[in-house]
């Protein structure tokens, strides 16, 4: 079995979480000492895990599409397109993940709503 790159782990983890497989994603890819920098939740592993489970349960039909991945050393940046069907909103989301070994030990996430009437014909992706 081939070893996954950090970029592959990052994209698989994010896709699993977005599709509702939060606990499995954490068990496979997230270190016990994981921390994060999401301003809306305490910075520990369990708080974000529970928040992600609640999000998946409340919005089971959201769509998450990875658009770009950049890997450098122990960091991976993932630009994604998130569509929230229930509230008819779309977001450009960037996750930055730091790895130790093959486990995610730290994460940052930022997002911007995709405007419905942007003058930029190139779009956000």
PDB file of N, CA and C in Angstrom:
ATOM      1  N   UNK A   1       0.841  -1.181   0.000  1.00  0.00           N
ATOM      2  CA  UNK A   1       0.000   0.000   0.000  1.00  0.00           C
ATOM      3  C   UNK A   1       0.884   1.243   0.000  1.00  0.00           C
ATOM      4  N   UNK A   2       0.650   2.171  -0.925  1.00  0.00           N
ATOM      5  CA  UNK A   2       1.437   3.389  -1.027  1.00  0.00           C
ATOM      6  C   UNK A   2       1.065   4.360   0.087  1.00  0.00           C
ATOM      7  N   UNK A   3       2.047   5.084   0.539  1.00  0.00           N
ATOM      8  CA  UNK A   3       1.825   6.101   1.562  1.00  0.00           C
ATOM      9  C   UNK A   3       1.211   7.331   0.914  1.00  0.00           C
ATOM     10  N   UNK A   4       0.216   7.921   1.579  1.00  0.00           N
ATOM     11  CA  UNK A   4      -0.415   9.132   1.058  1.00  0.00           C
ATOM     12  C   UNK A   4       0.469  10.343   1.342  1.00  0.00           C
ATOM     13  N   UNK A   5       0.489  11.289   0.415  1.00  0.00           N
ATOM     14  CA  UNK A   5       1.171  12.556   0.654  1.00  0.00           C
ATOM     15  C   UNK A   5       0.319  13.383   1.612  1.00  0.00           C
ATOM     16  N   UNK A   6       0.925  14.393   2.199  1.00  0.00           N
ATOM     17  CA  UNK A   6       0.154  15.281   3.076  1.00  0.00           C
ATOM     18  C   UNK A   6      -0.980  15.964   2.305  1.00  0.00           C
ATOM     19  N   UNK A   7      -0.749  16.304   1.046  1.00  0.00           N
ATOM     20  CA  UNK A   7      -1.802  16.918   0.229  1.00  0.00           C
ATOM     21  C   UNK A   7      -2.975  15.956   0.057  1.00  0.00           C
ATOM     22  N   UNK A   8      -2.683  14.689  -0.186  1.00  0.00           N
ATOM     23  CA  UNK A   8      -3.749  13.689  -0.326  1.00  0.00           C
ATOM     24  C   UNK A   8      -4.504  13.500   0.991  1.00  0.00           C
ATOM     25  N   UNK A   9      -3.774  13.476   2.092  1.00  0.00           N
ATOM     26  CA  UNK A   9      -4.414  13.350   3.404  1.00  0.00           C
ATOM     27  C   UNK A   9      -5.317  14.552   3.665  1.00  0.00           C
ATOM     28  N   UNK A  10      -4.814  15.750   3.391  1.00  0.00           N
ATOM     29  CA  UNK A  10      -5.589  16.968   3.630  1.00  0.00           C
ATOM     30  C   UNK A  10      -6.891  16.973   2.843  1.00  0.00           C
ATOM     31  N   UNK A  11      -6.821  16.649   1.550  1.00  0.00           N
ATOM     32  CA  UNK A  11      -8.029  16.685   0.728  1.00  0.00           C
ATOM     33  C   UNK A  11      -8.999  15.562   1.097  1.00  0.00           C
ATOM     34  N   UNK A  12      -8.478  14.398   1.425  1.00  0.00           N
ATOM     35  CA  UNK A  12      -9.344  13.299   1.849  1.00  0.00           C
ATOM     36  C   UNK A  12     -10.029  13.636   3.159  1.00  0.00           C
ATOM     37  N   UNK A  13      -9.271  14.152   4.109  1.00  0.00           N
ATOM     38  CA  UNK A  13      -9.825  14.560   5.411  1.00  0.00           C
ATOM     39  C   UNK A  13     -10.950  15.582   5.228  1.00  0.00           C
ATOM     40  N   UNK A  14     -10.690  16.637   4.463  1.00  0.00           N
ATOM     41  CA  UNK A  14     -11.694  17.685   4.273  1.00  0.00           C
ATOM     42  C   UNK A  14     -12.941  17.153   3.567  1.00  0.00           C
ATOM     43  N   UNK A  15     -12.768  16.309   2.574  1.00  0.00           N
ATOM     44  CA  UNK A  15     -13.919  15.722   1.873  1.00  0.00           C
ATOM     45  C   UNK A  15     -14.729  14.826   2.799  1.00  0.00           C
ATOM     46  N   UNK A  16     -14.040  14.038   3.624  1.00  0.00           N
ATOM     47  CA  UNK A  16     -14.749  13.160   4.572  1.00  0.00           C
ATOM     48  C   UNK A  16     -15.552  13.980   5.574  1.00  0.00           C
ATOM     49  N   UNK A  17     -14.942  15.021   6.112  1.00  0.00           N
ATOM     50  CA  UNK A  17     -15.635  15.875   7.087  1.00  0.00           C
ATOM     51  C   UNK A  17     -16.853  16.531   6.438  1.00  0.00           C
ATOM     52  N   UNK A  18     -16.674  17.074   5.237  1.00  0.00           N
ATOM     53  CA  UNK A  18     -17.787  17.752   4.549  1.00  0.00           C
ATOM     54  C   UNK A  18     -18.931  16.797   4.248  1.00  0.00           C
ATOM     55  N   UNK A  19     -18.615  15.520   4.022  1.00  0.00           N
ATOM     56  CA  UNK A  19     -19.652  14.544   3.692  1.00  0.00           C
ATOM     57  C   UNK A  19     -20.271  13.897   4.934  1.00  0.00           C
ATOM     58  N   UNK A  20     -19.820  14.300   6.127  1.00  0.00           N
ATOM     59  CA  UNK A  20     -20.427  13.800   7.355  1.00  0.00           C
ATOM     60  C   UNK A  20     -19.673  12.681   8.041  1.00  0.00           C
ATOM     61  N   UNK A  21     -18.568  12.245   7.476  1.00  0.00           N
ATOM     62  CA  UNK A  21     -17.765  11.178   8.094  1.00  0.00           C
ATOM     63  C   UNK A  21     -16.704  11.776   9.020  1.00  0.00           C
ATOM     64  N   UNK A  22     -17.160  12.576   9.963  1.00  0.00           N
ATOM     65  CA  UNK A  22     -16.272  13.374  10.796  1.00  0.00           C
ATOM     66  C   UNK A  22     -15.422  12.504  11.720  1.00  0.00           C
ATOM     67  N   UNK A  23     -16.039  11.620  12.474  1.00  0.00           N
ATOM     68  CA  UNK A  23     -15.273  10.805  13.441  1.00  0.00           C
ATOM     69  C   UNK A  23     -14.261   9.913  12.736  1.00  0.00           C
ATOM     70  N   UNK A  24     -14.647   9.334  11.616  1.00  0.00           N
ATOM     71  CA  UNK A  24     -13.720   8.489  10.864  1.00  0.00           C
ATOM     72  C   UNK A  24     -12.543   9.316  10.347  1.00  0.00           C
ATOM     73  N   UNK A  25     -12.830  10.522   9.834  1.00  0.00           N
ATOM     74  CA  UNK A  25     -11.769  11.399   9.335  1.00  0.00           C
ATOM     75  C   UNK A  25     -10.796  11.760  10.457  1.00  0.00           C
ATOM     76  N   UNK A  26     -11.339  12.083  11.613  1.00  0.00           N
ATOM     77  CA  UNK A  26     -10.483  12.410  12.758  1.00  0.00           C
ATOM     78  C   UNK A  26      -9.661  11.202  13.189  1.00  0.00           C
ATOM     79  N   UNK A  27     -10.276  10.045  13.249  1.00  0.00           N
ATOM     80  CA  UNK A  27      -9.565   8.831  13.673  1.00  0.00           C
ATOM     81  C   UNK A  27      -8.408   8.509  12.729  1.00  0.00           C
ATOM     82  N   UNK A  28      -8.612   8.708  11.448  1.00  0.00           N
ATOM     83  CA  UNK A  28      -7.591   8.376  10.462  1.00  0.00           C
ATOM     84  C   UNK A  28      -6.482   9.418  10.336  1.00  0.00           C
ATOM     85  N   UNK A  29      -6.840  10.696  10.433  1.00  0.00           N
ATOM     86  CA  UNK A  29      -5.919  11.728   9.981  1.00  0.00           C
ATOM     87  C   UNK A  29      -5.544  12.807  10.997  1.00  0.00           C
ATOM     88  N   UNK A  30      -6.213  12.885  12.138  1.00  0.00           N
ATOM     89  CA  UNK A  30      -5.984  13.994  13.058  1.00  0.00           C
ATOM     90  C   UNK A  30      -5.268  13.507  14.319  1.00  0.00           C
ATOM     91  N   UNK A  31      -4.209  14.198  14.687  1.00  0.00           N
ATOM     92  CA  UNK A  31      -3.434  13.851  15.877  1.00  0.00           C
ATOM     93  C   UNK A  31      -4.243  14.125  17.147  1.00  0.00           C
ATOM     94  N   UNK A  32      -3.947  13.378  18.183  1.00  0.00           N
ATOM     95  CA  UNK A  32      -4.620  13.579  19.472  1.00  0.00           C
ATOM     96  C   UNK A  32      -4.389  14.983  20.008  1.00  0.00           C
ATOM     97  N   UNK A  33      -3.213  15.552  19.764  1.00  0.00           N
ATOM     98  CA  UNK A  33      -2.861  16.878  20.271  1.00  0.00           C
ATOM     99  C   UNK A  33      -3.234  17.998  19.283  1.00  0.00           C
ATOM    100  N   UNK A  34      -4.140  17.721  18.353  1.00  0.00           N
ATOM    101  CA  UNK A  34      -4.583  18.678  17.339  1.00  0.00           C
ATOM    102  C   UNK A  34      -5.095  19.968  17.972  1.00  0.00           C
ATOM    103  N   UNK A  35      -4.736  21.093  17.363  1.00  0.00           N
ATOM    104  CA  UNK A  35      -5.286  22.402  17.718  1.00  0.00           C
ATOM    105  C   UNK A  35      -5.736  23.097  16.442  1.00  0.00           C
ATOM    106  N   UNK A  36      -6.593  24.102  16.587  1.00  0.00           N
ATOM    107  CA  UNK A  36      -7.075  24.843  15.422  1.00  0.00           C
ATOM    108  C   UNK A  36      -7.269  26.302  15.792  1.00  0.00           C
ATOM    109  N   UNK A  37      -7.486  27.124  14.763  1.00  0.00           N
ATOM    110  CA  UNK A  37      -7.569  28.571  14.954  1.00  0.00           C
ATOM    111  C   UNK A  37      -8.905  29.136  14.462  1.00  0.00           C
ATOM    112  N   UNK A  38      -9.958  28.339  14.473  1.00  0.00           N
ATOM    113  CA  UNK A  38     -11.289  28.821  14.105  1.00  0.00           C
ATOM    114  C   UNK A  38     -11.797  29.687  15.249  1.00  0.00           C
ATOM    115  N   UNK A  39     -12.111  30.927  14.949  1.00  0.00           N
ATOM    116  CA  UNK A  39     -12.473  31.908  15.980  1.00  0.00           C
ATOM    117  C   UNK A  39     -13.808  31.616  16.671  1.00  0.00           C
ATOM    118  N   UNK A  40     -14.605  30.719  16.137  1.00  0.00           N
ATOM    119  CA  UNK A  40     -15.941  30.478  16.673  1.00  0.00           C
ATOM    120  C   UNK A  40     -16.028  29.330  17.672  1.00  0.00           C
ATOM    121  N   UNK A  41     -14.914  28.619  17.884  1.00  0.00           N
ATOM    122  CA  UNK A  41     -14.926  27.449  18.770  1.00  0.00           C
ATOM    123  C   UNK A  41     -13.656  27.423  19.611  1.00  0.00           C
ATOM    124  N   UNK A  42     -13.706  26.801  20.782  1.00  0.00           N
ATOM    125  CA  UNK A  42     -12.465  26.610  21.541  1.00  0.00           C
ATOM    126  C   UNK A  42     -11.443  25.874  20.666  1.00  0.00           C
ATOM    127  N   UNK A  43     -10.155  26.071  20.917  1.00  0.00           N
ATOM    128  CA  UNK A  43      -9.094  25.601  20.044  1.00  0.00           C
ATOM    129  C   UNK A  43      -8.692  24.145  20.159  1.00  0.00           C
ATOM    130  N   UNK A  44      -9.467  23.349  20.897  1.00  0.00           N
ATOM    131  CA  UNK A  44      -9.098  21.947  21.087  1.00  0.00           C
ATOM    132  C   UNK A  44      -9.719  21.034  20.034  1.00  0.00           C
ATOM    133  N   UNK A  45      -9.219  19.823  19.975  1.00  0.00           N
ATOM    134  CA  UNK A  45      -9.631  18.806  18.998  1.00  0.00           C
ATOM    135  C   UNK A  45     -11.117  18.479  19.110  1.00  0.00           C
ATOM    136  N   UNK A  46     -11.581  18.153  20.303  1.00  0.00           N
ATOM    137  CA  UNK A  46     -12.959  17.691  20.509  1.00  0.00           C
ATOM    138  C   UNK A  46     -13.985  18.766  20.163  1.00  0.00           C
ATOM    139  N   UNK A  47     -13.702  20.024  20.497  1.00  0.00           N
ATOM    140  CA  UNK A  47     -14.661  21.104  20.211  1.00  0.00           C
ATOM    141  C   UNK A  47     -14.922  21.244  18.719  1.00  0.00           C
ATOM    142  N   UNK A  48     -13.863  21.200  17.909  1.00  0.00           N
ATOM    143  CA  UNK A  48     -14.065  21.328  16.465  1.00  0.00           C
ATOM    144  C   UNK A  48     -14.699  20.074  15.885  1.00  0.00           C
ATOM    145  N   UNK A  49     -14.331  18.915  16.389  1.00  0.00           N
ATOM    146  CA  UNK A  49     -14.935  17.662  15.933  1.00  0.00           C
ATOM    147  C   UNK A  49     -16.451  17.707  16.136  1.00  0.00           C
ATOM    148  N   UNK A  50     -16.898  18.099  17.315  1.00  0.00           N
ATOM    149  CA  UNK A  50     -18.328  18.175  17.617  1.00  0.00           C
ATOM    150  C   UNK A  50     -19.009  19.221  16.727  1.00  0.00           C
ATOM    151  N   UNK A  51     -18.376  20.355  16.536  1.00  0.00           N
ATOM    152  CA  UNK A  51     -18.949  21.398  15.674  1.00  0.00           C
ATOM    153  C   UNK A  51     -19.092  20.906  14.234  1.00  0.00           C
ATOM    154  N   UNK A  52     -18.104  20.165  13.757  1.00  0.00           N
ATOM    155  CA  UNK A  52     -18.168  19.617  12.394  1.00  0.00           C
ATOM    156  C   UNK A  52     -19.271  18.563  12.277  1.00  0.00           C
ATOM    157  N   UNK A  53     -19.447  17.757  13.303  1.00  0.00           N
ATOM    158  CA  UNK A  53     -20.542  16.776  13.294  1.00  0.00           C
ATOM    159  C   UNK A  53     -21.899  17.480  13.259  1.00  0.00           C
ATOM    160  N   UNK A  54     -22.046  18.528  14.058  1.00  0.00           N
ATOM    161  CA  UNK A  54     -23.302  19.271  14.085  1.00  0.00           C
ATOM    162  C   UNK A  54     -23.575  19.928  12.734  1.00  0.00           C
ATOM    163  N   UNK A  55     -22.543  20.482  12.118  1.00  0.00           N
ATOM    164  CA  UNK A  55     -22.694  21.097  10.801  1.00  0.00           C
ATOM    165  C   UNK A  55     -23.129  20.071   9.760  1.00  0.00           C
ATOM    166  N   UNK A  56     -22.502  18.909   9.779  1.00  0.00           N
ATOM    167  CA  UNK A  56     -22.852  17.851   8.824  1.00  0.00           C
ATOM    168  C   UNK A  56     -24.282  17.372   9.032  1.00  0.00           C
ATOM    169  N   UNK A  57     -24.707  17.261  10.285  1.00  0.00           N
ATOM    170  CA  UNK A  57     -26.073  16.803  10.581  1.00  0.00           C
ATOM    171  C   UNK A  57     -27.109  17.843  10.170  1.00  0.00           C
ATOM    172  N   UNK A  58     -26.808  19.122  10.362  1.00  0.00           N
ATOM    173  CA  UNK A  58     -27.787  20.164  10.044  1.00  0.00           C
ATOM    174  C   UNK A  58     -27.836  20.495   8.555  1.00  0.00           C
ATOM    175  N   UNK A  59     -26.766  20.195   7.829  1.00  0.00           N
ATOM    176  CA  UNK A  59     -26.716  20.464   6.388  1.00  0.00           C
ATOM    177  C   UNK A  59     -26.122  19.277   5.642  1.00  0.00           C
ATOM    178  N   UNK A  60     -26.870  18.197   5.548  1.00  0.00           N
ATOM    179  CA  UNK A  60     -26.309  16.992   4.920  1.00  0.00           C
ATOM    180  C   UNK A  60     -26.105  17.109   3.412  1.00  0.00           C
ATOM    181  N   UNK A  61     -26.723  18.076   2.750  1.00  0.00           N
ATOM    182  CA  UNK A  61     -26.577  18.153   1.296  1.00  0.00           C
ATOM    183  C   UNK A  61     -25.728  19.329   0.842  1.00  0.00           C
ATOM    184  N   UNK A  62     -24.734  19.700   1.638  1.00  0.00           N
ATOM    185  CA  UNK A  62     -23.795  20.714   1.158  1.00  0.00           C
ATOM    186  C   UNK A  62     -22.805  20.046   0.207  1.00  0.00           C
ATOM    187  N   UNK A  63     -22.248  20.839  -0.685  1.00  0.00           N
ATOM    188  CA  UNK A  63     -21.276  20.325  -1.649  1.00  0.00           C
ATOM    189  C   UNK A  63     -19.926  20.978  -1.385  1.00  0.00           C
ATOM    190  N   UNK A  64     -18.880  20.184  -1.447  1.00  0.00           N
ATOM    191  CA  UNK A  64     -17.525  20.650  -1.163  1.00  0.00           C
ATOM    192  C   UNK A  64     -16.624  20.159  -2.288  1.00  0.00           C
ATOM    193  N   UNK A  65     -16.012  21.099  -3.017  1.00  0.00           N
ATOM    194  CA  UNK A  65     -15.162  20.754  -4.145  1.00  0.00           C
ATOM    195  C   UNK A  65     -13.802  21.403  -3.983  1.00  0.00           C
ATOM    196  N   UNK A  66     -12.756  20.597  -3.967  1.00  0.00           N
ATOM    197  CA  UNK A  66     -11.391  21.111  -3.887  1.00  0.00           C
ATOM    198  C   UNK A  66     -11.013  21.696  -5.243  1.00  0.00           C
ATOM    199  N   UNK A  67     -10.464  22.911  -5.223  1.00  0.00           N
ATOM    200  CA  UNK A  67     -10.073  23.599  -6.456  1.00  0.00           C
ATOM    201  C   UNK A  67      -8.566  23.671  -6.647  1.00  0.00           C
ATOM    202  N   UNK A  68      -7.805  23.872  -5.563  1.00  0.00           N
ATOM    203  CA  UNK A  68      -6.351  23.944  -5.645  1.00  0.00           C
ATOM    204  C   UNK A  68      -5.751  23.420  -4.353  1.00  0.00           C
ATOM    205  N   UNK A  69      -4.580  22.817  -4.463  1.00  0.00           N
ATOM    206  CA  UNK A  69      -3.850  22.326  -3.294  1.00  0.00           C
ATOM    207  C   UNK A  69      -2.389  22.724  -3.455  1.00  0.00           C
ATOM    208  N   UNK A  70      -1.824  23.279  -2.395  1.00  0.00           N
ATOM    209  CA  UNK A  70      -0.412  23.653  -2.387  1.00  0.00           C
ATOM    210  C   UNK A  70       0.227  22.974  -1.182  1.00  0.00           C
ATOM    211  N   UNK A  71       1.297  22.232  -1.432  1.00  0.00           N
ATOM    212  CA  UNK A  71       2.011  21.542  -0.355  1.00  0.00           C
ATOM    213  C   UNK A  71       3.434  22.072  -0.282  1.00  0.00           C
ATOM    214  N   UNK A  72       3.867  22.437   0.923  1.00  0.00           N
ATOM    215  CA  UNK A  72       5.231  22.909   1.131  1.00  0.00           C
ATOM    216  C   UNK A  72       5.683  22.503   2.526  1.00  0.00           C
ATOM    217  N   UNK A  73       6.661  21.628   2.579  1.00  0.00           N
ATOM    218  CA  UNK A  73       7.163  21.164   3.877  1.00  0.00           C
ATOM    219  C   UNK A  73       6.063  20.496   4.678  1.00  0.00           C
ATOM    220  N   UNK A  74       5.845  20.980   5.891  1.00  0.00           N
ATOM    221  CA  UNK A  74       4.833  20.375   6.764  1.00  0.00           C
ATOM    222  C   UNK A  74       3.462  21.045   6.640  1.00  0.00           C
ATOM    223  N   UNK A  75       3.281  21.906   5.629  1.00  0.00           N
ATOM    224  CA  UNK A  75       2.023  22.640   5.452  1.00  0.00           C
ATOM    225  C   UNK A  75       1.348  22.276   4.133  1.00  0.00           C
ATOM    226  N   UNK A  76       0.023  22.262   4.198  1.00  0.00           N
ATOM    227  CA  UNK A  76      -0.789  22.087   2.998  1.00  0.00           C
ATOM    228  C   UNK A  76      -1.882  23.145   3.026  1.00  0.00           C
ATOM    229  N   UNK A  77      -2.060  23.862   1.921  1.00  0.00           N
ATOM    230  CA  UNK A  77      -3.148  24.831   1.775  1.00  0.00           C
ATOM    231  C   UNK A  77      -4.123  24.282   0.735  1.00  0.00           C
ATOM    232  N   UNK A  78      -5.405  24.315   1.070  1.00  0.00           N
ATOM    233  CA  UNK A  78      -6.441  23.783   0.189  1.00  0.00           C
ATOM    234  C   UNK A  78      -7.482  24.872  -0.053  1.00  0.00           C
ATOM    235  N   UNK A  79      -7.649  25.263  -1.316  1.00  0.00           N
ATOM    236  CA  UNK A  79      -8.710  26.192  -1.715  1.00  0.00           C
ATOM    237  C   UNK A  79      -9.884  25.357  -2.190  1.00  0.00           C
ATOM    238  N   UNK A  80     -11.058  25.610  -1.604  1.00  0.00           N
ATOM    239  CA  UNK A  80     -12.242  24.814  -1.929  1.00  0.00           C
ATOM    240  C   UNK A  80     -13.447  25.697  -2.190  1.00  0.00           C
ATOM    241  N   UNK A  81     -14.412  25.092  -2.859  1.00  0.00           N
ATOM    242  CA  UNK A  81     -15.702  25.729  -3.138  1.00  0.00           C
ATOM    243  C   UNK A  81     -16.754  24.999  -2.309  1.00  0.00           C
ATOM    244  N   UNK A  82     -17.377  25.714  -1.401  1.00  0.00           N
ATOM    245  CA  UNK A  82     -18.417  25.157  -0.530  1.00  0.00           C
ATOM    246  C   UNK A  82     -19.763  25.723  -0.959  1.00  0.00           C
ATOM    247  N   UNK A  83     -20.702  24.822  -1.238  1.00  0.00           N
ATOM    248  CA  UNK A  83     -22.071  25.231  -1.588  1.00  0.00           C
ATOM    249  C   UNK A  83     -23.004  24.759  -0.489  1.00  0.00           C
ATOM    250  N   UNK A  84     -23.715  25.703   0.118  1.00  0.00           N
ATOM    251  CA  UNK A  84     -24.679  25.391   1.165  1.00  0.00           C
ATOM    252  C   UNK A  84     -26.080  25.497   0.556  1.00  0.00           C
ATOM    253  N   UNK A  85     -26.627  24.381   0.140  1.00  0.00           N
ATOM    254  CA  UNK A  85     -27.887  24.347  -0.593  1.00  0.00           C
ATOM    255  C   UNK A  85     -29.062  24.871   0.238  1.00  0.00           C
ATOM    256  N   UNK A  86     -29.080  24.557   1.528  1.00  0.00           N
ATOM    257  CA  UNK A  86     -30.218  24.947   2.359  1.00  0.00           C
ATOM    258  C   UNK A  86     -30.388  26.461   2.462  1.00  0.00           C
ATOM    259  N   UNK A  87     -29.284  27.204   2.398  1.00  0.00           N
ATOM    260  CA  UNK A  87     -29.371  28.661   2.523  1.00  0.00           C
ATOM    261  C   UNK A  87     -28.957  29.370   1.238  1.00  0.00           C
ATOM    262  N   UNK A  88     -28.749  28.611   0.156  1.00  0.00           N
ATOM    263  CA  UNK A  88     -28.382  29.146  -1.154  1.00  0.00           C
ATOM    264  C   UNK A  88     -27.195  30.105  -1.058  1.00  0.00           C
ATOM    265  N   UNK A  89     -26.117  29.635  -0.433  1.00  0.00           N
ATOM    266  CA  UNK A  89     -24.895  30.418  -0.329  1.00  0.00           C
ATOM    267  C   UNK A  89     -23.715  29.581  -0.796  1.00  0.00           C
ATOM    268  N   UNK A  90     -22.727  30.276  -1.355  1.00  0.00           N
ATOM    269  CA  UNK A  90     -21.495  29.635  -1.790  1.00  0.00           C
ATOM    270  C   UNK A  90     -20.320  30.376  -1.166  1.00  0.00           C
ATOM    271  N   UNK A  91     -19.255  29.638  -0.873  1.00  0.00           N
ATOM    272  CA  UNK A  91     -18.077  30.209  -0.232  1.00  0.00           C
ATOM    273  C   UNK A  91     -16.808  29.704  -0.882  1.00  0.00           C
ATOM    274  N   UNK A  92     -15.821  30.564  -0.921  1.00  0.00           N
ATOM    275  CA  UNK A  92     -14.452  30.159  -1.202  1.00  0.00           C
ATOM    276  C   UNK A  92     -13.824  29.956   0.172  1.00  0.00           C
ATOM    277  N   UNK A  93     -13.257  28.776   0.410  1.00  0.00           N
ATOM    278  CA  UNK A  93     -12.701  28.439   1.719  1.00  0.00           C
ATOM    279  C   UNK A  93     -11.251  28.014   1.543  1.00  0.00           C
ATOM    280  N   UNK A  94     -10.391  28.502   2.420  1.00  0.00           N
ATOM    281  CA  UNK A  94      -8.996  28.075   2.445  1.00  0.00           C
ATOM    282  C   UNK A  94      -8.728  27.429   3.791  1.00  0.00           C
ATOM    283  N   UNK A  95      -8.232  26.210   3.750  1.00  0.00           N
ATOM    284  CA  UNK A  95      -7.769  25.503   4.942  1.00  0.00           C
ATOM    285  C   UNK A  95      -6.257  25.395   4.834  1.00  0.00           C
ATOM    286  N   UNK A  96      -5.578  25.715   5.910  1.00  0.00           N
ATOM    287  CA  UNK A  96      -4.131  25.510   5.998  1.00  0.00           C
ATOM    288  C   UNK A  96      -3.925  24.486   7.102  1.00  0.00           C
ATOM    289  N   UNK A  97      -3.272  23.396   6.761  1.00  0.00           N
ATOM    290  CA  UNK A  97      -3.077  22.302   7.711  1.00  0.00           C
ATOM    291  C   UNK A  97      -1.587  22.076   7.922  1.00  0.00           C
ATOM    292  N   UNK A  98      -1.203  21.916   9.188  1.00  0.00           N
ATOM    293  CA  UNK A  98       0.185  21.598   9.528  1.00  0.00           C
ATOM    294  C   UNK A  98       0.250  20.145   9.959  1.00  0.00           C
ATOM    295  N   UNK A  99       1.257  19.453   9.469  1.00  0.00           N
ATOM    296  CA  UNK A  99       1.416  18.022   9.714  1.00  0.00           C
ATOM    297  C   UNK A  99       2.645  17.724  10.564  1.00  0.00           C
ATOM    298  N   UNK A 100       2.534  16.689  11.358  1.00  0.00           N
ATOM    299  CA  UNK A 100       3.679  16.033  11.985  1.00  0.00           C
ATOM    300  C   UNK A 100       3.525  14.568  11.636  1.00  0.00           C
ATOM    301  N   UNK A 101       4.538  14.036  10.940  1.00  0.00           N
ATOM    302  CA  UNK A 101       4.380  12.696  10.401  1.00  0.00           C
ATOM    303  C   UNK A 101       3.256  12.731   9.384  1.00  0.00           C
ATOM    304  N   UNK A 102       2.330  11.838   9.494  1.00  0.00           N
ATOM    305  CA  UNK A 102       1.195  11.820   8.566  1.00  0.00           C
ATOM    306  C   UNK A 102      -0.104  12.214   9.262  1.00  0.00           C
ATOM    307  N   UNK A 103       0.008  12.985  10.341  1.00  0.00           N
ATOM    308  CA  UNK A 103      -1.180  13.424  11.093  1.00  0.00           C
ATOM    309  C   UNK A 103      -1.299  14.943  11.069  1.00  0.00           C
ATOM    310  N   UNK A 104      -2.523  15.418  10.992  1.00  0.00           N
ATOM    311  CA  UNK A 104      -2.805  16.851  11.052  1.00  0.00           C
ATOM    312  C   UNK A 104      -2.709  17.268  12.519  1.00  0.00           C
ATOM    313  N   UNK A 105      -1.853  18.248  12.791  1.00  0.00           N
ATOM    314  CA  UNK A 105      -1.670  18.691  14.171  1.00  0.00           C
ATOM    315  C   UNK A 105      -2.187  20.106  14.414  1.00  0.00           C
ATOM    316  N   UNK A 106      -2.409  20.852  13.328  1.00  0.00           N
ATOM    317  CA  UNK A 106      -2.881  22.227  13.488  1.00  0.00           C
ATOM    318  C   UNK A 106      -3.600  22.646  12.214  1.00  0.00           C
ATOM    319  N   UNK A 107      -4.641  23.491  12.370  1.00  0.00           N
ATOM    320  CA  UNK A 107      -5.407  23.910  11.201  1.00  0.00           C
ATOM    321  C   UNK A 107      -5.900  25.343  11.357  1.00  0.00           C
ATOM    322  N   UNK A 108      -5.871  26.048  10.237  1.00  0.00           N
ATOM    323  CA  UNK A 108      -6.445  27.376  10.118  1.00  0.00           C
ATOM    324  C   UNK A 108      -7.481  27.301   9.003  1.00  0.00           C
ATOM    325  N   UNK A 109      -8.566  28.069   9.115  1.00  0.00           N
ATOM    326  CA  UNK A 109      -9.538  28.114   8.020  1.00  0.00           C
ATOM    327  C   UNK A 109     -10.101  29.515   7.890  1.00  0.00           C
ATOM    328  N   UNK A 110     -10.229  29.950   6.642  1.00  0.00           N
ATOM    329  CA  UNK A 110     -10.808  31.248   6.344  1.00  0.00           C
ATOM    330  C   UNK A 110     -11.771  31.069   5.177  1.00  0.00           C
ATOM    331  N   UNK A 111     -12.812  31.898   5.132  1.00  0.00           N
ATOM    332  CA  UNK A 111     -13.788  31.776   4.058  1.00  0.00           C
ATOM    333  C   UNK A 111     -14.317  33.126   3.628  1.00  0.00           C
ATOM    334  N   UNK A 112     -14.759  33.170   2.400  1.00  0.00           N
ATOM    335  CA  UNK A 112     -15.362  34.375   1.842  1.00  0.00           C
ATOM    336  C   UNK A 112     -16.569  33.971   1.023  1.00  0.00           C
ATOM    337  N   UNK A 113     -17.685  34.636   1.247  1.00  0.00           N
ATOM    338  CA  UNK A 113     -18.874  34.337   0.464  1.00  0.00           C
ATOM    339  C   UNK A 113     -18.644  34.722  -0.990  1.00  0.00           C
ATOM    340  N   UNK A 114     -19.106  33.882  -1.895  1.00  0.00           N
ATOM    341  CA  UNK A 114     -19.021  34.148  -3.331  1.00  0.00           C
ATOM    342  C   UNK A 114     -20.202  35.051  -3.681  1.00  0.00           C
ATOM    343  N   UNK A 115     -19.938  36.280  -4.118  1.00  0.00           N
ATOM    344  CA  UNK A 115     -21.046  37.175  -4.459  1.00  0.00           C
ATOM    345  C   UNK A 115     -21.793  36.699  -5.699  1.00  0.00           C
ATOM    346  N   UNK A 116     -23.096  36.846  -5.682  1.00  0.00           N
ATOM    347  CA  UNK A 116     -23.917  36.401  -6.800  1.00  0.00           C
ATOM    348  C   UNK A 116     -23.769  37.314  -8.030  1.00  0.00           C
ATOM    349  N   UNK A 117     -23.351  38.543  -7.808  1.00  0.00           N
ATOM    350  CA  UNK A 117     -23.270  39.506  -8.918  1.00  0.00           C
ATOM    351  C   UNK A 117     -21.884  40.142  -9.006  1.00  0.00           C
ATOM    352  N   UNK A 118     -20.850  39.352  -8.907  1.00  0.00           N
ATOM    353  CA  UNK A 118     -19.478  39.862  -8.962  1.00  0.00           C
ATOM    354  C   UNK A 118     -19.163  40.434 -10.348  1.00  0.00           C
ATOM    355  N   UNK A 119     -18.485  41.572 -10.407  1.00  0.00           N
ATOM    356  CA  UNK A 119     -18.064  42.119 -11.709  1.00  0.00           C
ATOM    357  C   UNK A 119     -16.860  41.389 -12.297  1.00  0.00           C
ATOM    358  N   UNK A 120     -16.258  40.497 -11.544  1.00  0.00           N
ATOM    359  CA  UNK A 120     -15.068  39.763 -12.005  1.00  0.00           C
ATOM    360  C   UNK A 120     -15.506  38.526 -12.788  1.00  0.00           C
ATOM    361  N   UNK A 121     -15.354  38.575 -14.095  1.00  0.00           N
ATOM    362  CA  UNK A 121     -15.768  37.471 -14.954  1.00  0.00           C
ATOM    363  C   UNK A 121     -14.939  36.203 -14.723  1.00  0.00           C
ATOM    364  N   UNK A 122     -13.765  36.332 -14.102  1.00  0.00           N
ATOM    365  CA  UNK A 122     -12.914  35.176 -13.832  1.00  0.00           C
ATOM    366  C   UNK A 122     -13.441  34.355 -12.661  1.00  0.00           C
ATOM    367  N   UNK A 123     -14.235  34.949 -11.817  1.00  0.00           N
ATOM    368  CA  UNK A 123     -14.766  34.239 -10.653  1.00  0.00           C
ATOM    369  C   UNK A 123     -13.708  34.058  -9.584  1.00  0.00           C
ATOM    370  N   UNK A 124     -14.067  33.384  -8.522  1.00  0.00           N
ATOM    371  CA  UNK A 124     -13.163  33.202  -7.384  1.00  0.00           C
ATOM    372  C   UNK A 124     -12.334  31.935  -7.510  1.00  0.00           C
ATOM    373  N   UNK A 125     -12.578  31.127  -8.524  1.00  0.00           N
ATOM    374  CA  UNK A 125     -11.862  29.863  -8.651  1.00  0.00           C
ATOM    375  C   UNK A 125     -11.174  29.775  -9.999  1.00  0.00           C
TER     376      UNK A 125
END
